[in-house]
Amino acid sequence: MVEAIPTRSRASRRRWRAVVPVVLRWALPVLWVLWASLAWWVEPRESTEAQLDRDLAAGQVVAFQRSSGWADDGAYWGSRPRPQHATNGGMLAWTVPNGQIRYAFVDPPASASYPGEPDLSANAGLDRLAAVAGPWRVGGDLAHRIAGTAGLLAGVLTVLWLGRLIAGAPPLAGTRWFWFWVGLLPFGVGVLAWTYRELWRPPPVPVPGRGSGWRGFGWLILAAVGISLLVSVARIVFGTTVVPG
């Protein structure tokens, strides 16, 4: 009886180690698809003052903010879009009932009111917006709830990936540091690459001379530049409706 307890414990641990990769093999791609869908929907789409006029006329503006730009530029790929508030900022961001976020640049930002009322101050020009919408708020409307859910999914995805990378069996196609740096690629591309190479198509034995941390850091820089260029070209070709940002 004394020997049976550790034996059962070891067997339980072996079963757990066998189950975790199978669960993650499916959980990580599913979480990524859910995150990508929600993040794409609420990703800010550049628009025009004319579109804001139309949204106002149709009663479609739910929340708004005058700002100087986006506060999370260059931040973690799973962060939610958040305008940087500025009383005389040159950008107006607003949300519509379907949960999408739009923004437009106002010229000039400091003196002209919005929209089309040059005899009013910039702050007074926001009265038209304030009459039908509230200020930008976290969790106060559908757009912010969707953005919050997308951020939560990205956080869970990252925690699961890091937990497996740090505490799980040593990776076979690269070192832990290699995959750590690759995993930081924008849009979760690195996490998908790790999932495919280490969980879906792992080599039977550790790859000789597998990627080091420095090699992973190099891949992070090169691939991040390539992804940025690809997104920029796609935005030009397909427009900001399909490729927002």
Protein backbone atom coordinates (compact mmCIF):
# COMPACT_ATOMS: atom_id res chain seq x y z
CA MET A 1 0.00 0.00 0.00
CA VAL A 2 2.85 2.36 0.74
CA GLU A 3 4.30 1.89 -2.75
CA ALA A 4 0.95 2.19 -4.56
CA ILE A 5 0.42 5.86 -3.72
CA PRO A 6 3.50 7.25 -5.45
CA THR A 7 2.92 4.86 -8.33
CA ARG A 8 -0.58 6.23 -8.87
CA SER A 9 0.77 9.73 -8.49
CA ARG A 10 3.41 9.17 -11.16
CA ALA A 11 0.83 7.62 -13.48
CA SER A 12 -1.45 10.60 -12.95
CA ARG A 13 1.36 12.99 -13.80
CA ARG A 14 2.18 11.03 -16.95
CA ARG A 15 -1.46 11.14 -18.06
CA TRP A 16 -1.56 14.86 -17.35
CA ARG A 17 1.59 15.46 -19.42
CA ALA A 18 0.02 13.49 -22.26
CA VAL A 19 -3.32 15.34 -22.11
CA VAL A 20 -2.01 18.93 -21.89
CA PRO A 21 -0.38 19.02 -25.37
CA VAL A 22 -3.54 17.58 -26.95
CA VAL A 23 -5.72 20.19 -25.25
CA LEU A 24 -3.40 23.05 -26.15
CA ARG A 25 -3.10 21.80 -29.73
CA TRP A 26 -6.76 22.71 -30.22
CA ALA A 27 -7.30 25.38 -27.55
CA LEU A 28 -4.62 27.78 -28.77
CA PRO A 29 -5.80 27.96 -32.43
CA VAL A 30 -9.44 28.27 -31.32
CA LEU A 31 -8.60 31.07 -28.90
CA TRP A 32 -6.58 32.81 -31.61
CA VAL A 33 -9.46 32.64 -34.12
CA LEU A 34 -11.88 34.04 -31.54
CA TRP A 35 -9.47 36.81 -30.60
CA ALA A 36 -8.67 37.67 -34.23
CA SER A 37 -12.35 37.88 -35.17
CA LEU A 38 -13.25 40.20 -32.30
CA ALA A 39 -10.08 42.29 -32.59
CA TRP A 40 -10.63 42.76 -36.34
CA TRP A 41 -14.20 43.90 -35.74
CA VAL A 42 -13.30 46.63 -33.24
CA GLU A 43 -9.95 47.64 -34.72
CA PRO A 44 -10.24 51.41 -35.42
CA ARG A 45 -11.15 52.20 -39.00
CA GLU A 46 -10.07 55.50 -40.49
CA SER A 47 -13.06 57.48 -41.69
CA THR A 48 -14.02 61.07 -42.56
CA GLU A 49 -15.85 63.99 -41.02
CA ALA A 50 -18.57 63.45 -43.61
CA GLN A 51 -19.09 59.91 -42.31
CA LEU A 52 -19.31 61.24 -38.76
CA ASP A 53 -21.95 63.72 -39.96
CA ARG A 54 -23.93 60.86 -41.47
CA ASP A 55 -23.58 58.77 -38.30
CA LEU A 56 -24.75 61.72 -36.22
CA ALA A 57 -27.72 62.35 -38.48
CA ALA A 58 -28.70 58.68 -38.24
CA GLY A 59 -28.26 58.60 -34.47
CA GLN A 60 -25.50 56.01 -34.78
CA VAL A 61 -22.86 57.62 -32.53
CA VAL A 62 -22.71 55.86 -29.15
CA ALA A 63 -19.47 57.21 -27.66
CA PHE A 64 -16.84 59.69 -28.78
CA GLN A 65 -13.49 61.18 -27.81
CA ARG A 66 -11.38 64.04 -29.06
CA SER A 67 -7.79 62.86 -28.93
CA SER A 68 -4.26 63.30 -30.19
CA GLY A 69 -3.87 59.70 -31.40
CA TRP A 70 -3.95 56.16 -30.08
CA ALA A 71 -2.45 55.56 -26.66
CA ASP A 72 -1.47 51.94 -27.30
CA ASP A 73 0.55 52.34 -30.50
CA GLY A 74 3.35 49.77 -30.47
CA ALA A 75 2.00 48.07 -27.36
CA TYR A 76 1.26 44.42 -26.70
CA TRP A 77 -0.49 42.88 -29.71
CA GLY A 78 -3.53 41.93 -27.64
CA SER A 79 -4.17 45.39 -26.16
CA ARG A 80 -7.47 47.14 -26.77
CA PRO A 81 -7.72 50.29 -28.93
CA ARG A 82 -7.75 53.39 -26.73
CA PRO A 83 -7.59 57.02 -27.93
CA GLN A 84 -5.28 59.41 -26.11
CA HIS A 85 -7.57 62.11 -24.77
CA ALA A 86 -6.67 65.69 -25.72
CA THR A 87 -9.07 68.63 -25.37
CA ASN A 88 -7.83 70.25 -28.59
CA GLY A 89 -6.64 67.07 -30.27
CA GLY A 90 -6.69 66.69 -34.01
CA MET A 91 -8.51 63.35 -34.07
CA LEU A 92 -12.08 62.37 -33.25
CA ALA A 93 -12.86 58.74 -32.44
CA TRP A 94 -16.37 57.38 -32.10
CA THR A 95 -18.18 54.08 -31.77
CA VAL A 96 -21.36 52.93 -33.52
CA PRO A 97 -24.05 50.52 -32.30
CA ASN A 98 -22.66 47.48 -34.14
CA GLY A 99 -19.49 47.68 -32.02
CA GLN A 100 -17.11 49.15 -34.59
CA ILE A 101 -14.73 52.04 -33.87
CA ARG A 102 -14.14 54.83 -36.37
CA TYR A 103 -11.90 57.87 -36.34
CA ALA A 104 -11.27 60.98 -38.43
CA PHE A 105 -8.75 63.78 -38.38
CA VAL A 106 -10.01 67.34 -37.89
CA ASP A 107 -8.18 70.25 -39.51
CA PRO A 108 -7.39 72.58 -37.87
CA PRO A 109 -7.82 70.93 -34.46
CA ALA A 110 -7.33 73.87 -32.12
CA SER A 111 -9.74 76.51 -33.40
CA ALA A 112 -12.42 75.02 -35.63
CA SER A 113 -15.44 73.38 -34.10
CA TYR A 114 -16.82 70.06 -35.18
CA PRO A 115 -18.58 69.54 -37.46
CA GLY A 116 -18.98 72.46 -39.90
CA GLU A 117 -19.44 75.22 -37.33
CA PRO A 118 -16.34 77.45 -37.58
CA ASP A 119 -17.90 80.16 -35.44
CA LEU A 120 -17.74 77.95 -32.32
CA SER A 121 -14.78 76.92 -30.22
CA ALA A 122 -13.41 73.39 -30.42
CA ASN A 123 -14.94 72.39 -27.10
CA ALA A 124 -18.32 73.91 -27.89
CA GLY A 125 -18.33 72.08 -31.19
CA LEU A 126 -18.48 68.80 -29.28
CA ASP A 127 -21.95 69.73 -28.00
CA ARG A 128 -23.52 68.10 -31.05
CA LEU A 129 -21.79 64.87 -30.15
CA ALA A 130 -22.51 65.17 -26.44
CA ALA A 131 -26.21 65.63 -27.17
CA VAL A 132 -26.49 62.13 -28.64
CA ALA A 133 -23.50 60.21 -27.25
CA GLY A 134 -21.37 59.82 -24.17
CA PRO A 135 -17.61 60.24 -23.73
CA TRP A 136 -15.26 57.37 -24.47
CA ARG A 137 -15.57 54.81 -21.70
CA VAL A 138 -14.33 51.33 -20.95
CA GLY A 139 -17.05 48.69 -20.98
CA GLY A 140 -19.84 51.21 -21.51
CA ASP A 141 -20.99 50.08 -24.93
CA LEU A 142 -20.73 47.15 -27.30
CA ALA A 143 -17.44 48.27 -28.90
CA HIS A 144 -15.69 48.45 -25.56
CA ARG A 145 -17.15 45.16 -24.36
CA ILE A 146 -15.97 43.44 -27.54
CA ALA A 147 -12.52 45.05 -27.19
CA GLY A 148 -12.35 43.94 -23.57
CA THR A 149 -13.30 40.38 -24.49
CA ALA A 150 -10.67 40.33 -27.24
CA GLY A 151 -8.04 41.54 -24.78
CA LEU A 152 -9.05 38.85 -22.30
CA LEU A 153 -8.78 36.12 -24.95
CA ALA A 154 -5.34 37.40 -25.95
CA GLY A 155 -4.26 37.32 -22.31
CA VAL A 156 -5.48 33.74 -21.80
CA LEU A 157 -3.78 32.69 -25.04
CA THR A 158 -0.50 34.21 -23.93
CA VAL A 159 -0.64 32.71 -20.43
CA LEU A 160 -1.33 29.21 -21.80
CA TRP A 161 1.48 29.49 -24.32
CA LEU A 162 4.00 30.86 -21.81
CA GLY A 163 2.99 28.32 -19.17
CA ARG A 164 3.57 25.43 -21.56
CA LEU A 165 6.80 26.96 -22.89
CA ILE A 166 8.29 27.55 -19.43
CA ALA A 167 6.95 24.65 -17.37
CA GLY A 168 6.36 22.02 -20.05
CA ALA A 169 8.71 19.62 -21.78
CA PRO A 170 11.67 21.25 -23.57
CA PRO A 171 10.77 22.27 -27.14
CA LEU A 172 12.15 20.16 -29.97
CA ALA A 173 12.45 22.59 -32.89
CA GLY A 174 14.08 25.44 -30.94
CA THR A 175 15.16 26.46 -27.47
CA ARG A 176 12.81 28.05 -24.97
CA TRP A 177 14.42 31.44 -25.58
CA PHE A 178 14.07 31.03 -29.33
CA TRP A 179 10.33 30.47 -29.04
CA PHE A 180 9.95 33.21 -26.43
CA TRP A 181 11.21 35.84 -28.85
CA VAL A 182 9.34 34.39 -31.84
CA GLY A 183 6.17 34.26 -29.74
CA LEU A 184 6.22 38.06 -29.42
CA LEU A 185 5.49 38.55 -33.11
CA PRO A 186 2.49 40.82 -33.89
CA PHE A 187 -1.04 39.44 -34.10
CA GLY A 188 -0.07 36.27 -32.23
CA VAL A 189 1.67 34.92 -35.33
CA GLY A 190 4.57 33.62 -33.22
CA VAL A 191 2.25 31.73 -30.88
CA LEU A 192 0.65 30.07 -33.91
CA ALA A 193 4.09 29.18 -35.29
CA TRP A 194 5.06 27.58 -31.97
CA THR A 195 1.75 25.69 -31.80
CA TYR A 196 2.21 24.31 -35.31
CA ARG A 197 5.89 23.38 -35.00
CA GLU A 198 5.89 22.06 -31.43
CA LEU A 199 2.40 20.62 -31.02
CA TRP A 200 1.05 19.80 -34.48
CA ARG A 201 4.23 18.92 -36.39
CA PRO A 202 6.94 18.30 -33.79
CA PRO A 203 10.17 16.62 -34.93
CA PRO A 204 10.65 13.09 -33.54
CA VAL A 205 13.88 14.13 -31.79
CA PRO A 206 15.40 17.52 -30.90
CA VAL A 207 16.67 19.27 -34.03
CA PRO A 208 20.49 19.45 -34.06
CA GLY A 209 21.64 23.04 -33.71
CA ARG A 210 18.08 24.15 -33.00
CA GLY A 211 17.38 27.85 -32.85
CA SER A 212 19.00 29.80 -30.05
CA GLY A 213 17.69 32.86 -28.28
CA TRP A 214 19.71 35.18 -30.50
CA ARG A 215 18.34 33.53 -33.60
CA GLY A 216 14.81 33.90 -32.23
CA PHE A 217 15.44 37.60 -31.53
CA GLY A 218 16.64 38.04 -35.10
CA TRP A 219 13.53 36.32 -36.43
CA LEU A 220 11.41 38.60 -34.25
CA ILE A 221 12.90 41.73 -35.83
CA LEU A 222 12.86 40.48 -39.42
CA ALA A 223 9.42 38.89 -39.30
CA ALA A 224 7.89 41.89 -37.49
CA VAL A 225 9.13 44.19 -40.25
CA GLY A 226 7.83 41.80 -42.90
CA ILE A 227 4.42 41.54 -41.24
CA SER A 228 4.16 45.33 -40.96
CA LEU A 229 4.98 45.76 -44.65
CA LEU A 230 2.50 43.05 -45.61
CA VAL A 231 -0.28 44.70 -43.58
CA SER A 232 0.51 48.12 -45.08
CA VAL A 233 0.35 46.77 -48.63
CA ALA A 234 -2.86 44.87 -47.89
CA ARG A 235 -4.41 48.06 -46.46
CA ILE A 236 -3.55 49.94 -49.65
CA VAL A 237 -4.90 47.17 -51.87
CA PHE A 238 -8.07 46.24 -49.96
CA GLY A 239 -8.76 49.44 -48.02
CA THR A 240 -9.21 50.15 -44.34
CA THR A 241 -12.60 48.45 -44.20
CA VAL A 242 -11.00 45.06 -44.82
CA VAL A 243 -7.61 45.83 -43.22
CA PRO A 244 -8.30 48.35 -40.45
CA GLY A 245 -5.73 50.02 -38.25
